[in-house]
Amino acid sequence: MGRHRLETTGRHRAGNRRKSSPSARGPGNAIARATISAAIMGAAVAATAGPALASTPATTPAASPIAATTTTTAATPATTLPAAPVTGSSVGATALRYAQTQLGKPYVWGATGPNAYDCSGLVQWAFKQAGVTLPRVAAQQSLVGTPVSRDQLQPGDLVFFYTPVSHVAIYVGDGKILHASTAGQPVKISSMAGLPFHNARRI
């Protein structure tokens, strides 16, 4: 009987130990297992995503666009000597003062002003403002007025060039002339040196 009690007691205790094992798997252990599982899954995801992230090229921010700038290059004006003050009340001096107001205007063959001129058109316009009507072309203008030698030129005299005459200018003084010279050049003052002098007239 004593042996039976011991065996029974032993089996009872073993059964108690076996019955207590489910309690070891209670909520606390379930949470621990869930945490471990989550950590394992996270590691697996990181291991999988790592190569993909490493192979993804870094995104370089686009350079800030620079607004296009339109550069306009102004035309280089022709060299123009400064206009000298004009004294006197003669027709020629008055015409010269008017001609100076047209400096910088363009040359256009056949033009008589006021927006553009050729050489004889400028002379005709300037003298008209002074009250004198001149012929239209340089060759005819070279026959009007009083002949003047080159060394006796005064501001306002007309100076003619080439043979036959094909260019006219208004003498400014100090070897300079005001004229509408050629295409691409504005009305300007320049030296008459180098131009083939033909004759001069005083109006």
N, C-alpha and C. Protein backbone atom coordinates (compact mmCIF):
# COMPACT_ATOMS: atom_id res chain seq x y z
N MET A 1 0.83 -1.18 0.00
CA MET A 1 0.00 0.00 0.00
C MET A 1 0.87 1.23 0.00
N GLY A 2 1.95 1.15 0.81
CA GLY A 2 2.85 2.32 0.82
C GLY A 2 3.45 2.57 -0.54
N ARG A 3 3.82 1.49 -1.24
CA ARG A 3 4.38 1.65 -2.58
C ARG A 3 3.36 2.25 -3.52
N HIS A 4 2.10 1.81 -3.40
CA HIS A 4 1.03 2.32 -4.26
C HIS A 4 0.85 3.81 -4.07
N ARG A 5 0.96 4.25 -2.81
CA ARG A 5 0.80 5.69 -2.55
C ARG A 5 1.94 6.46 -3.19
N LEU A 6 3.13 5.92 -3.09
CA LEU A 6 4.27 6.64 -3.68
C LEU A 6 4.13 6.71 -5.17
N GLU A 7 3.77 5.59 -5.77
CA GLU A 7 3.62 5.61 -7.23
C GLU A 7 2.51 6.57 -7.64
N THR A 8 1.38 6.44 -6.82
CA THR A 8 0.25 7.33 -7.17
C THR A 8 0.66 8.77 -7.01
N THR A 9 1.37 9.02 -5.89
CA THR A 9 1.80 10.41 -5.64
C THR A 9 2.76 10.88 -6.72
N GLY A 10 3.67 9.97 -7.12
CA GLY A 10 4.63 10.34 -8.18
C GLY A 10 3.93 10.65 -9.48
N ARG A 11 2.94 9.76 -9.80
CA ARG A 11 2.23 10.03 -11.05
C ARG A 11 1.43 11.31 -10.94
N HIS A 12 0.86 11.55 -9.76
CA HIS A 12 0.07 12.76 -9.56
C HIS A 12 0.94 14.00 -9.76
N ARG A 13 2.18 13.96 -9.18
CA ARG A 13 3.06 15.12 -9.33
C ARG A 13 3.52 15.31 -10.77
N ALA A 14 3.81 14.16 -11.41
CA ALA A 14 4.21 14.28 -12.83
C ALA A 14 3.10 14.85 -13.65
N GLY A 15 1.86 14.35 -13.30
CA GLY A 15 0.71 14.90 -14.05
C GLY A 15 0.55 16.36 -13.80
N ASN A 16 0.82 16.78 -12.55
CA ASN A 16 0.71 18.21 -12.25
C ASN A 16 1.74 19.00 -13.07
N ARG A 17 2.96 18.40 -13.16
CA ARG A 17 3.97 19.13 -13.96
C ARG A 17 3.55 19.23 -15.41
N ARG A 18 3.00 18.14 -15.94
CA ARG A 18 2.57 18.18 -17.34
C ARG A 18 1.42 19.16 -17.51
N LYS A 19 0.51 19.18 -16.53
CA LYS A 19 -0.62 20.10 -16.65
C LYS A 19 -0.17 21.55 -16.54
N SER A 20 0.94 21.74 -15.80
CA SER A 20 1.38 23.14 -15.64
C SER A 20 2.11 23.67 -16.86
N SER A 21 2.53 22.79 -17.77
CA SER A 21 3.27 23.25 -18.95
C SER A 21 2.49 24.19 -19.83
N PRO A 22 1.11 23.99 -20.01
CA PRO A 22 0.38 24.98 -20.82
C PRO A 22 0.49 26.36 -20.25
N SER A 23 0.56 26.46 -18.88
CA SER A 23 0.65 27.80 -18.29
C SER A 23 1.96 28.47 -18.68
N ALA A 24 2.99 27.64 -18.98
CA ALA A 24 4.26 28.23 -19.42
C ALA A 24 4.13 28.89 -20.77
N ARG A 25 3.10 28.43 -21.48
CA ARG A 25 2.87 29.04 -22.79
C ARG A 25 1.78 30.10 -22.69
N GLY A 26 1.73 30.84 -21.64
CA GLY A 26 0.71 31.86 -21.41
C GLY A 26 0.93 33.10 -22.26
N PRO A 27 0.18 34.17 -21.98
CA PRO A 27 0.24 35.41 -22.77
C PRO A 27 1.63 36.01 -22.83
N GLY A 28 2.38 35.95 -21.70
CA GLY A 28 3.74 36.56 -21.70
C GLY A 28 4.64 35.90 -22.70
N ASN A 29 4.63 34.55 -22.70
CA ASN A 29 5.48 33.84 -23.66
C ASN A 29 5.03 34.07 -25.09
N ALA A 30 3.72 34.16 -25.30
CA ALA A 30 3.19 34.43 -26.66
C ALA A 30 3.70 35.76 -27.18
N ILE A 31 3.72 36.74 -26.28
CA ILE A 31 4.21 38.07 -26.70
C ILE A 31 5.68 38.01 -27.06
N ALA A 32 6.44 37.25 -26.22
CA ALA A 32 7.88 37.12 -26.48
C ALA A 32 8.12 36.46 -27.81
N ARG A 33 7.33 35.38 -28.06
CA ARG A 33 7.52 34.69 -29.35
C ARG A 33 7.14 35.61 -30.51
N ALA A 34 6.06 36.39 -30.34
CA ALA A 34 5.64 37.31 -31.41
C ALA A 34 6.72 38.36 -31.68
N THR A 35 7.35 38.83 -30.60
CA THR A 35 8.42 39.83 -30.76
C THR A 35 9.59 39.26 -31.52
N ILE A 36 9.97 38.00 -31.15
CA ILE A 36 11.09 37.34 -31.83
C ILE A 36 10.77 37.13 -33.29
N SER A 37 9.52 36.69 -33.57
CA SER A 37 9.11 36.45 -34.97
C SER A 37 9.17 37.75 -35.77
N ALA A 38 8.69 38.82 -35.13
CA ALA A 38 8.70 40.11 -35.84
C ALA A 38 10.13 40.55 -36.15
N ALA A 39 11.03 40.31 -35.16
CA ALA A 39 12.43 40.69 -35.38
C ALA A 39 13.04 39.90 -36.51
N ILE A 40 12.72 38.58 -36.56
CA ILE A 40 13.25 37.73 -37.63
C ILE A 40 12.74 38.18 -38.98
N MET A 41 11.43 38.50 -39.04
CA MET A 41 10.85 38.95 -40.31
C MET A 41 11.47 40.28 -40.74
N GLY A 42 11.67 41.17 -39.74
CA GLY A 42 12.28 42.47 -40.08
C GLY A 42 13.67 42.29 -40.65
N ALA A 43 14.43 41.36 -40.04
CA ALA A 43 15.78 41.12 -40.55
C ALA A 43 15.74 40.57 -41.96
N ALA A 44 14.76 39.67 -42.19
CA ALA A 44 14.62 39.09 -43.53
C ALA A 44 14.28 40.16 -44.56
N VAL A 45 13.35 41.06 -44.19
CA VAL A 45 12.97 42.14 -45.12
C VAL A 45 14.16 43.05 -45.41
N ALA A 46 14.91 43.39 -44.35
CA ALA A 46 16.08 44.26 -44.53
C ALA A 46 17.11 43.61 -45.43
N ALA A 47 17.29 42.27 -45.23
CA ALA A 47 18.26 41.56 -46.07
C ALA A 47 17.83 41.56 -47.52
N THR A 48 16.49 41.45 -47.72
CA THR A 48 15.98 41.43 -49.11
C THR A 48 16.05 42.81 -49.73
N ALA A 49 15.66 43.84 -48.96
CA ALA A 49 15.60 45.19 -49.51
C ALA A 49 16.98 45.81 -49.67
N GLY A 50 17.94 45.37 -48.86
CA GLY A 50 19.28 45.98 -48.89
C GLY A 50 19.89 46.04 -50.26
N PRO A 51 20.01 44.90 -50.99
CA PRO A 51 20.61 44.95 -52.33
C PRO A 51 19.85 45.87 -53.28
N ALA A 52 18.49 45.84 -53.14
CA ALA A 52 17.70 46.68 -54.04
C ALA A 52 17.99 48.15 -53.79
N LEU A 53 18.07 48.51 -52.48
CA LEU A 53 18.36 49.90 -52.16
C LEU A 53 19.76 50.28 -52.60
N ALA A 54 20.69 49.33 -52.42
CA ALA A 54 22.07 49.62 -52.81
C ALA A 54 22.19 49.80 -54.31
N SER A 55 21.36 49.07 -55.08
CA SER A 55 21.44 49.16 -56.53
C SER A 55 20.69 50.35 -57.09
N THR A 56 19.90 51.02 -56.24
CA THR A 56 19.14 52.17 -56.71
C THR A 56 20.04 53.40 -56.76
N PRO A 57 20.22 54.01 -57.95
CA PRO A 57 21.14 55.16 -58.03
C PRO A 57 20.62 56.32 -57.22
N ALA A 58 21.55 57.06 -56.62
CA ALA A 58 21.15 58.23 -55.84
C ALA A 58 20.57 59.28 -56.77
N THR A 59 19.55 59.92 -56.31
CA THR A 59 18.89 60.94 -57.12
C THR A 59 19.58 62.27 -56.90
N THR A 60 20.12 62.81 -57.99
CA THR A 60 20.81 64.10 -57.91
C THR A 60 19.82 65.20 -58.21
N PRO A 61 19.69 66.19 -57.34
CA PRO A 61 18.73 67.28 -57.60
C PRO A 61 19.05 67.95 -58.91
N ALA A 62 18.01 68.26 -59.64
CA ALA A 62 18.20 68.93 -60.93
C ALA A 62 18.79 70.31 -60.70
N ALA A 63 19.71 70.65 -61.59
CA ALA A 63 20.33 71.97 -61.47
C ALA A 63 19.27 73.03 -61.69
N SER A 64 19.38 74.10 -60.94
CA SER A 64 18.42 75.18 -61.08
C SER A 64 18.56 75.79 -62.46
N PRO A 65 17.47 75.88 -63.23
CA PRO A 65 17.58 76.42 -64.59
C PRO A 65 17.98 77.88 -64.55
N ILE A 66 18.80 78.26 -65.51
CA ILE A 66 19.23 79.64 -65.62
C ILE A 66 18.45 80.28 -66.74
N ALA A 67 17.83 81.39 -66.44
CA ALA A 67 17.01 82.05 -67.44
C ALA A 67 17.88 82.46 -68.62
N ALA A 68 17.36 82.19 -69.82
CA ALA A 68 18.11 82.55 -71.01
C ALA A 68 18.18 84.06 -71.12
N THR A 69 19.35 84.54 -71.47
CA THR A 69 19.54 85.97 -71.59
C THR A 69 19.79 86.31 -73.04
N THR A 70 18.96 87.18 -73.56
CA THR A 70 19.15 87.60 -74.93
C THR A 70 20.05 88.81 -74.94
N THR A 71 21.13 88.63 -75.58
CA THR A 71 22.10 89.71 -75.64
C THR A 71 22.01 90.40 -76.98
N THR A 72 21.75 91.65 -76.92
CA THR A 72 21.69 92.43 -78.12
C THR A 72 22.94 93.28 -78.26
N THR A 73 23.67 93.05 -79.34
CA THR A 73 24.89 93.80 -79.55
C THR A 73 24.59 95.02 -80.41
N ALA A 74 24.80 96.18 -79.83
CA ALA A 74 24.52 97.40 -80.56
C ALA A 74 25.54 97.58 -81.68
N ALA A 75 25.08 98.15 -82.80
CA ALA A 75 25.97 98.40 -83.92
C ALA A 75 27.01 99.43 -83.51
N THR A 76 28.24 99.19 -83.90
CA THR A 76 29.31 100.13 -83.57
C THR A 76 29.21 101.34 -84.48
N PRO A 77 29.02 102.53 -83.89
CA PRO A 77 28.88 103.72 -84.74
C PRO A 77 30.19 104.04 -85.44
N ALA A 78 30.07 104.66 -86.59
CA ALA A 78 31.26 105.06 -87.32
C ALA A 78 31.97 106.16 -86.54
N THR A 79 33.27 106.23 -86.72
CA THR A 79 34.05 107.26 -86.04
C THR A 79 33.61 108.63 -86.53
N THR A 80 33.21 109.47 -85.61
CA THR A 80 32.75 110.80 -85.95
C THR A 80 33.52 111.82 -85.15
N LEU A 81 34.10 112.77 -85.81
CA LEU A 81 34.83 113.83 -85.12
C LEU A 81 33.82 114.80 -84.51
N PRO A 82 34.17 115.42 -83.40
CA PRO A 82 33.23 116.34 -82.75
C PRO A 82 32.95 117.56 -83.62
N ALA A 83 31.72 118.04 -83.52
CA ALA A 83 31.35 119.21 -84.29
C ALA A 83 31.89 120.46 -83.62
N ALA A 84 32.48 121.33 -84.42
CA ALA A 84 33.00 122.58 -83.90
C ALA A 84 31.89 123.61 -83.87
N PRO A 85 31.92 124.53 -82.91
CA PRO A 85 30.92 125.59 -82.87
C PRO A 85 30.98 126.40 -84.17
N VAL A 86 29.83 126.74 -84.68
CA VAL A 86 29.76 127.47 -85.95
C VAL A 86 29.44 128.93 -85.64
N THR A 87 30.29 129.81 -86.12
CA THR A 87 30.05 131.24 -85.93
C THR A 87 29.70 131.88 -87.26
N GLY A 88 29.16 133.05 -87.21
CA GLY A 88 28.82 133.77 -88.43
C GLY A 88 27.36 133.62 -88.79
N SER A 89 26.92 134.52 -89.66
CA SER A 89 25.51 134.54 -90.06
C SER A 89 25.35 134.34 -91.56
N SER A 90 26.39 133.92 -92.24
CA SER A 90 26.29 133.70 -93.68
C SER A 90 25.35 132.54 -93.96
N VAL A 91 24.93 132.44 -95.20
CA VAL A 91 24.05 131.33 -95.60
C VAL A 91 24.75 130.00 -95.34
N GLY A 92 26.03 129.92 -95.69
CA GLY A 92 26.77 128.68 -95.50
C GLY A 92 26.87 128.29 -94.03
N ALA A 93 27.15 129.26 -93.14
CA ALA A 93 27.26 128.97 -91.70
C ALA A 93 25.92 128.51 -91.14
N THR A 94 24.85 129.16 -91.60
CA THR A 94 23.50 128.76 -91.14
C THR A 94 23.18 127.35 -91.60
N ALA A 95 23.49 127.03 -92.88
CA ALA A 95 23.24 125.70 -93.41
C ALA A 95 24.05 124.64 -92.65
N LEU A 96 25.28 125.00 -92.28
CA LEU A 96 26.12 124.07 -91.52
C LEU A 96 25.50 123.76 -90.16
N ARG A 97 24.97 124.79 -89.49
CA ARG A 97 24.33 124.54 -88.19
C ARG A 97 23.15 123.59 -88.33
N TYR A 98 22.37 123.76 -89.39
CA TYR A 98 21.24 122.84 -89.62
C TYR A 98 21.75 121.43 -89.92
N ALA A 99 22.81 121.35 -90.71
CA ALA A 99 23.35 120.03 -91.05
C ALA A 99 23.84 119.30 -89.80
N GLN A 100 24.39 120.03 -88.84
CA GLN A 100 24.87 119.40 -87.62
C GLN A 100 23.74 118.72 -86.83
N THR A 101 22.53 119.20 -86.99
CA THR A 101 21.40 118.59 -86.28
C THR A 101 21.04 117.22 -86.86
N GLN A 102 21.60 116.89 -88.01
CA GLN A 102 21.29 115.62 -88.66
C GLN A 102 22.39 114.56 -88.47
N LEU A 103 23.40 114.90 -87.69
CA LEU A 103 24.48 113.94 -87.44
C LEU A 103 23.92 112.63 -86.88
N GLY A 104 24.43 111.52 -87.41
CA GLY A 104 24.01 110.20 -86.93
C GLY A 104 22.89 109.56 -87.73
N LYS A 105 22.23 110.33 -88.58
CA LYS A 105 21.16 109.75 -89.40
C LYS A 105 21.75 108.89 -90.51
N PRO A 106 21.01 107.91 -90.97
CA PRO A 106 21.59 106.95 -91.93
C PRO A 106 21.74 107.50 -93.35
N TYR A 107 22.69 106.89 -94.06
CA TYR A 107 22.85 107.17 -95.48
C TYR A 107 21.94 106.25 -96.27
N VAL A 108 21.17 106.83 -97.16
CA VAL A 108 20.36 106.06 -98.11
C VAL A 108 20.48 106.75 -99.46
N TRP A 109 20.91 106.00 -100.46
CA TRP A 109 21.09 106.60 -101.78
C TRP A 109 19.75 107.15 -102.29
N GLY A 110 19.77 108.40 -102.74
CA GLY A 110 18.58 109.05 -103.27
C GLY A 110 17.71 109.73 -102.22
N ALA A 111 18.07 109.60 -100.93
CA ALA A 111 17.23 110.17 -99.87
C ALA A 111 17.55 111.64 -99.66
N THR A 112 16.51 112.42 -99.38
CA THR A 112 16.67 113.86 -99.19
C THR A 112 16.18 114.32 -97.80
N GLY A 113 16.02 113.39 -96.87
CA GLY A 113 15.63 113.74 -95.51
C GLY A 113 14.14 113.69 -95.29
N PRO A 114 13.71 113.92 -94.09
CA PRO A 114 14.56 114.26 -92.94
C PRO A 114 15.05 113.03 -92.15
N ASN A 115 14.67 111.81 -92.58
CA ASN A 115 15.06 110.61 -91.82
C ASN A 115 16.34 109.96 -92.33
N ALA A 116 16.70 110.22 -93.56
CA ALA A 116 17.91 109.64 -94.15
C ALA A 116 18.33 110.54 -95.32
N TYR A 117 19.62 110.41 -95.72
CA TYR A 117 20.15 111.28 -96.75
C TYR A 117 21.19 110.56 -97.59
N ASP A 118 21.37 111.07 -98.83
CA ASP A 118 22.62 110.82 -99.53
C ASP A 118 23.38 112.14 -99.49
N CYS A 119 24.56 112.20 -100.10
CA CYS A 119 25.40 113.39 -99.90
C CYS A 119 24.75 114.69 -100.39
N SER A 120 24.27 114.69 -101.61
CA SER A 120 23.68 115.92 -102.15
C SER A 120 22.31 116.19 -101.54
N GLY A 121 21.61 115.13 -101.11
CA GLY A 121 20.32 115.32 -100.44
C GLY A 121 20.49 116.05 -99.12
N LEU A 122 21.54 115.73 -98.37
CA LEU A 122 21.81 116.42 -97.10
C LEU A 122 22.14 117.89 -97.36
N VAL A 123 22.99 118.16 -98.37
CA VAL A 123 23.36 119.54 -98.68
C VAL A 123 22.13 120.33 -99.12
N GLN A 124 21.33 119.76 -99.97
CA GLN A 124 20.12 120.44 -100.43
C GLN A 124 19.19 120.75 -99.25
N TRP A 125 19.00 119.78 -98.36
CA TRP A 125 18.11 119.99 -97.21
C TRP A 125 18.64 121.10 -96.30
N ALA A 126 19.95 121.07 -95.98
CA ALA A 126 20.52 122.04 -95.06
C ALA A 126 20.42 123.47 -95.61
N PHE A 127 20.70 123.64 -96.91
CA PHE A 127 20.64 124.98 -97.47
C PHE A 127 19.20 125.45 -97.64
N LYS A 128 18.30 124.52 -97.82
CA LYS A 128 16.88 124.91 -97.90
C LYS A 128 16.42 125.48 -96.56
N GLN A 129 16.91 124.91 -95.44
CA GLN A 129 16.55 125.45 -94.13
C GLN A 129 17.11 126.87 -93.95
N ALA A 130 18.21 127.14 -94.66
CA ALA A 130 18.83 128.47 -94.59
C ALA A 130 18.24 129.43 -95.62
N GLY A 131 17.26 128.96 -96.39
CA GLY A 131 16.56 129.84 -97.33
C GLY A 131 17.08 129.80 -98.75
N VAL A 132 17.92 128.83 -99.10
CA VAL A 132 18.47 128.74 -100.44
C VAL A 132 18.12 127.38 -101.04
N THR A 133 17.63 127.42 -102.28
CA THR A 133 17.31 126.17 -102.97
C THR A 133 18.45 125.82 -103.92
N LEU A 134 19.00 124.63 -103.74
CA LEU A 134 20.10 124.15 -104.58
C LEU A 134 19.62 123.04 -105.50
N PRO A 135 20.36 122.80 -106.59
CA PRO A 135 20.02 121.65 -107.44
C PRO A 135 20.11 120.35 -106.64
N ARG A 136 19.56 119.29 -107.21
CA ARG A 136 19.46 118.02 -106.48
C ARG A 136 20.78 117.25 -106.43
N VAL A 137 21.56 117.20 -107.48
CA VAL A 137 22.72 116.32 -107.50
C VAL A 137 24.02 117.11 -107.35
N ALA A 138 25.08 116.39 -106.89
CA ALA A 138 26.34 117.04 -106.58
C ALA A 138 26.97 117.73 -107.79
N ALA A 139 26.92 117.11 -108.95
CA ALA A 139 27.55 117.70 -110.14
C ALA A 139 26.95 119.06 -110.45
N GLN A 140 25.65 119.21 -110.32
CA GLN A 140 24.99 120.49 -110.57
C GLN A 140 25.27 121.49 -109.45
N GLN A 141 25.32 121.01 -108.20
CA GLN A 141 25.62 121.90 -107.08
C GLN A 141 27.02 122.49 -107.20
N SER A 142 27.93 121.76 -107.82
CA SER A 142 29.31 122.22 -107.94
C SER A 142 29.46 123.43 -108.87
N LEU A 143 28.38 123.82 -109.50
CA LEU A 143 28.42 124.95 -110.42
C LEU A 143 27.75 126.19 -109.84
N VAL A 144 27.16 126.07 -108.65
CA VAL A 144 26.41 127.17 -108.04
C VAL A 144 27.33 127.95 -107.09
N GLY A 145 27.12 129.27 -107.01
CA GLY A 145 27.87 130.09 -106.06
C GLY A 145 29.20 130.57 -106.61
N THR A 146 30.08 130.95 -105.66
CA THR A 146 31.37 131.54 -106.01
C THR A 146 32.48 130.52 -105.81
N PRO A 147 33.39 130.36 -106.80
CA PRO A 147 34.51 129.42 -106.63
C PRO A 147 35.40 129.83 -105.45
N VAL A 148 35.91 128.83 -104.74
CA VAL A 148 36.81 129.05 -103.60
C VAL A 148 37.97 128.07 -103.71
N SER A 149 39.19 128.59 -103.50
CA SER A 149 40.34 127.68 -103.53
C SER A 149 40.38 126.88 -102.22
N ARG A 150 41.10 125.79 -102.27
CA ARG A 150 41.15 124.90 -101.10
C ARG A 150 41.74 125.60 -99.87
N ASP A 151 42.73 126.46 -100.09
CA ASP A 151 43.36 127.11 -98.93
C ASP A 151 42.57 128.30 -98.41
N GLN A 152 41.44 128.60 -99.04
CA GLN A 152 40.60 129.71 -98.60
C GLN A 152 39.24 129.23 -98.06
N LEU A 153 39.14 127.97 -97.79
CA LEU A 153 37.85 127.41 -97.34
C LEU A 153 37.42 127.99 -95.99
N GLN A 154 36.12 128.24 -95.87
CA GLN A 154 35.52 128.70 -94.62
C GLN A 154 34.37 127.77 -94.24
N PRO A 155 34.04 127.68 -92.94
CA PRO A 155 32.90 126.84 -92.53
C PRO A 155 31.63 127.23 -93.30
N GLY A 156 30.99 126.20 -93.86
CA GLY A 156 29.76 126.42 -94.63
C GLY A 156 29.98 126.34 -96.13
N ASP A 157 31.24 126.38 -96.59
CA ASP A 157 31.51 126.24 -98.01
C ASP A 157 31.21 124.80 -98.44
N LEU A 158 30.85 124.65 -99.71
CA LEU A 158 30.61 123.32 -100.26
C LEU A 158 31.91 122.80 -100.89
N VAL A 159 32.23 121.54 -100.60
CA VAL A 159 33.45 120.92 -101.12
C VAL A 159 33.05 119.71 -101.95
N PHE A 160 33.64 119.60 -103.16
CA PHE A 160 33.27 118.54 -104.09
C PHE A 160 34.49 117.65 -104.36
N PHE A 161 34.20 116.38 -104.60
CA PHE A 161 35.26 115.39 -104.74
C PHE A 161 35.03 114.51 -105.97
N TYR A 162 36.15 113.94 -106.45
CA TYR A 162 36.21 113.01 -107.59
C TYR A 162 36.01 113.77 -108.90
N THR A 163 36.48 113.12 -109.97
CA THR A 163 36.32 113.66 -111.32
C THR A 163 35.76 112.56 -112.21
N PRO A 164 34.60 112.74 -112.76
CA PRO A 164 33.70 113.89 -112.56
C PRO A 164 33.14 113.93 -111.14
N VAL A 165 32.60 115.05 -110.76
CA VAL A 165 32.09 115.25 -109.40
C VAL A 165 31.02 114.21 -109.08
N SER A 166 31.20 113.52 -107.95
CA SER A 166 30.20 112.54 -107.53
C SER A 166 29.96 112.55 -106.01
N HIS A 167 30.61 113.51 -105.33
CA HIS A 167 30.39 113.60 -103.88
C HIS A 167 30.53 115.04 -103.43
N VAL A 168 29.69 115.43 -102.46
CA VAL A 168 29.70 116.78 -101.94
C VAL A 168 29.62 116.74 -100.42
N ALA A 169 30.25 117.73 -99.79
CA ALA A 169 30.23 117.83 -98.33
C ALA A 169 30.21 119.31 -97.96
N ILE A 170 29.94 119.58 -96.68
CA ILE A 170 29.96 120.94 -96.17
C ILE A 170 31.21 121.09 -95.31
N TYR A 171 32.00 122.10 -95.61
CA TYR A 171 33.25 122.30 -94.87
C TYR A 171 32.94 122.78 -93.46
N VAL A 172 33.61 122.16 -92.47
CA VAL A 172 33.41 122.49 -91.05
C VAL A 172 34.54 123.38 -90.55
N GLY A 173 35.74 123.22 -91.10
CA GLY A 173 36.91 123.94 -90.63
C GLY A 173 37.98 122.97 -90.19
N ASP A 174 39.22 123.43 -90.16
CA ASP A 174 40.35 122.62 -89.71
C ASP A 174 40.49 121.32 -90.50
N GLY A 175 40.20 121.39 -91.80
CA GLY A 175 40.37 120.22 -92.66
C GLY A 175 39.29 119.17 -92.50
N LYS A 176 38.16 119.51 -91.89
CA LYS A 176 37.08 118.53 -91.66
C LYS A 176 35.84 118.91 -92.45
N ILE A 177 35.06 117.87 -92.77
CA ILE A 177 33.82 118.06 -93.53
C ILE A 177 32.68 117.31 -92.84
N LEU A 178 31.48 117.81 -93.05
CA LEU A 178 30.26 117.12 -92.60
C LEU A 178 29.58 116.59 -93.85
N HIS A 179 29.29 115.29 -93.85
CA HIS A 179 28.70 114.71 -95.06
C HIS A 179 27.97 113.40 -94.77
N ALA A 180 27.11 113.03 -95.73
CA ALA A 180 26.53 111.68 -95.78
C ALA A 180 27.41 110.92 -96.76
N SER A 181 28.27 110.08 -96.23
CA SER A 181 29.37 109.57 -97.06
C SER A 181 29.01 108.39 -97.94
N THR A 182 28.52 107.31 -97.33
CA THR A 182 28.28 106.09 -98.11
C THR A 182 27.37 105.15 -97.33
N ALA A 183 26.90 104.10 -98.01
CA ALA A 183 26.00 103.14 -97.36
C ALA A 183 26.67 102.51 -96.15
N GLY A 184 25.92 102.36 -95.08
CA GLY A 184 26.45 101.76 -93.87
C GLY A 184 27.09 102.76 -92.92
N GLN A 185 27.23 104.01 -93.37
CA GLN A 185 27.81 105.06 -92.53
C GLN A 185 26.76 106.14 -92.27
N PRO A 186 26.71 106.65 -91.05
CA PRO A 186 25.75 107.72 -90.76
C PRO A 186 26.27 109.07 -91.22
N VAL A 187 25.42 110.06 -91.18
CA VAL A 187 25.88 111.44 -91.39
C VAL A 187 26.92 111.73 -90.32
N LYS A 188 28.08 112.21 -90.70
CA LYS A 188 29.18 112.35 -89.76
C LYS A 188 30.12 113.46 -90.17
N ILE A 189 31.03 113.78 -89.25
CA ILE A 189 32.12 114.71 -89.51
C ILE A 189 33.40 113.89 -89.60
N SER A 190 34.15 114.12 -90.64
CA SER A 190 35.40 113.39 -90.80
C SER A 190 36.43 114.26 -91.50
N SER A 191 37.66 113.77 -91.55
CA SER A 191 38.72 114.52 -92.22
C SER A 191 38.56 114.39 -93.73
N MET A 192 38.87 115.47 -94.43
CA MET A 192 38.79 115.41 -95.89
C MET A 192 40.12 114.96 -96.49
N ALA A 193 41.11 114.74 -95.65
CA ALA A 193 42.40 114.28 -96.15
C ALA A 193 42.24 112.90 -96.79
N GLY A 194 42.82 112.72 -97.92
CA GLY A 194 42.72 111.45 -98.61
C GLY A 194 41.62 111.39 -99.64
N LEU A 195 40.64 112.29 -99.55
CA LEU A 195 39.59 112.34 -100.57
C LEU A 195 40.09 113.19 -101.75
N PRO A 196 39.79 112.75 -102.97
CA PRO A 196 40.29 113.49 -104.16
C PRO A 196 39.50 114.79 -104.37
N PHE A 197 40.10 115.90 -103.91
CA PHE A 197 39.46 117.21 -104.00
C PHE A 197 39.25 117.61 -105.46
N HIS A 198 38.06 118.13 -105.75
CA HIS A 198 37.78 118.59 -107.11
C HIS A 198 37.66 120.11 -107.15
N ASN A 199 36.72 120.66 -106.40
CA ASN A 199 36.56 122.10 -106.33
C ASN A 199 35.70 122.46 -105.11
N ALA A 200 35.57 123.75 -104.86
CA ALA A 200 34.74 124.23 -103.75
C ALA A 200 33.97 125.45 -104.19
N ARG A 201 32.78 125.64 -103.53
CA ARG A 201 31.93 126.79 -103.87
C ARG A 201 31.39 127.40 -102.58
N ARG A 202 31.23 128.72 -102.62
CA ARG A 202 30.64 129.43 -101.49
C ARG A 202 29.28 129.97 -101.93
N ILE A 203 28.25 129.65 -101.19
CA ILE A 203 26.89 130.03 -101.56
C ILE A 203 26.54 131.36 -100.88
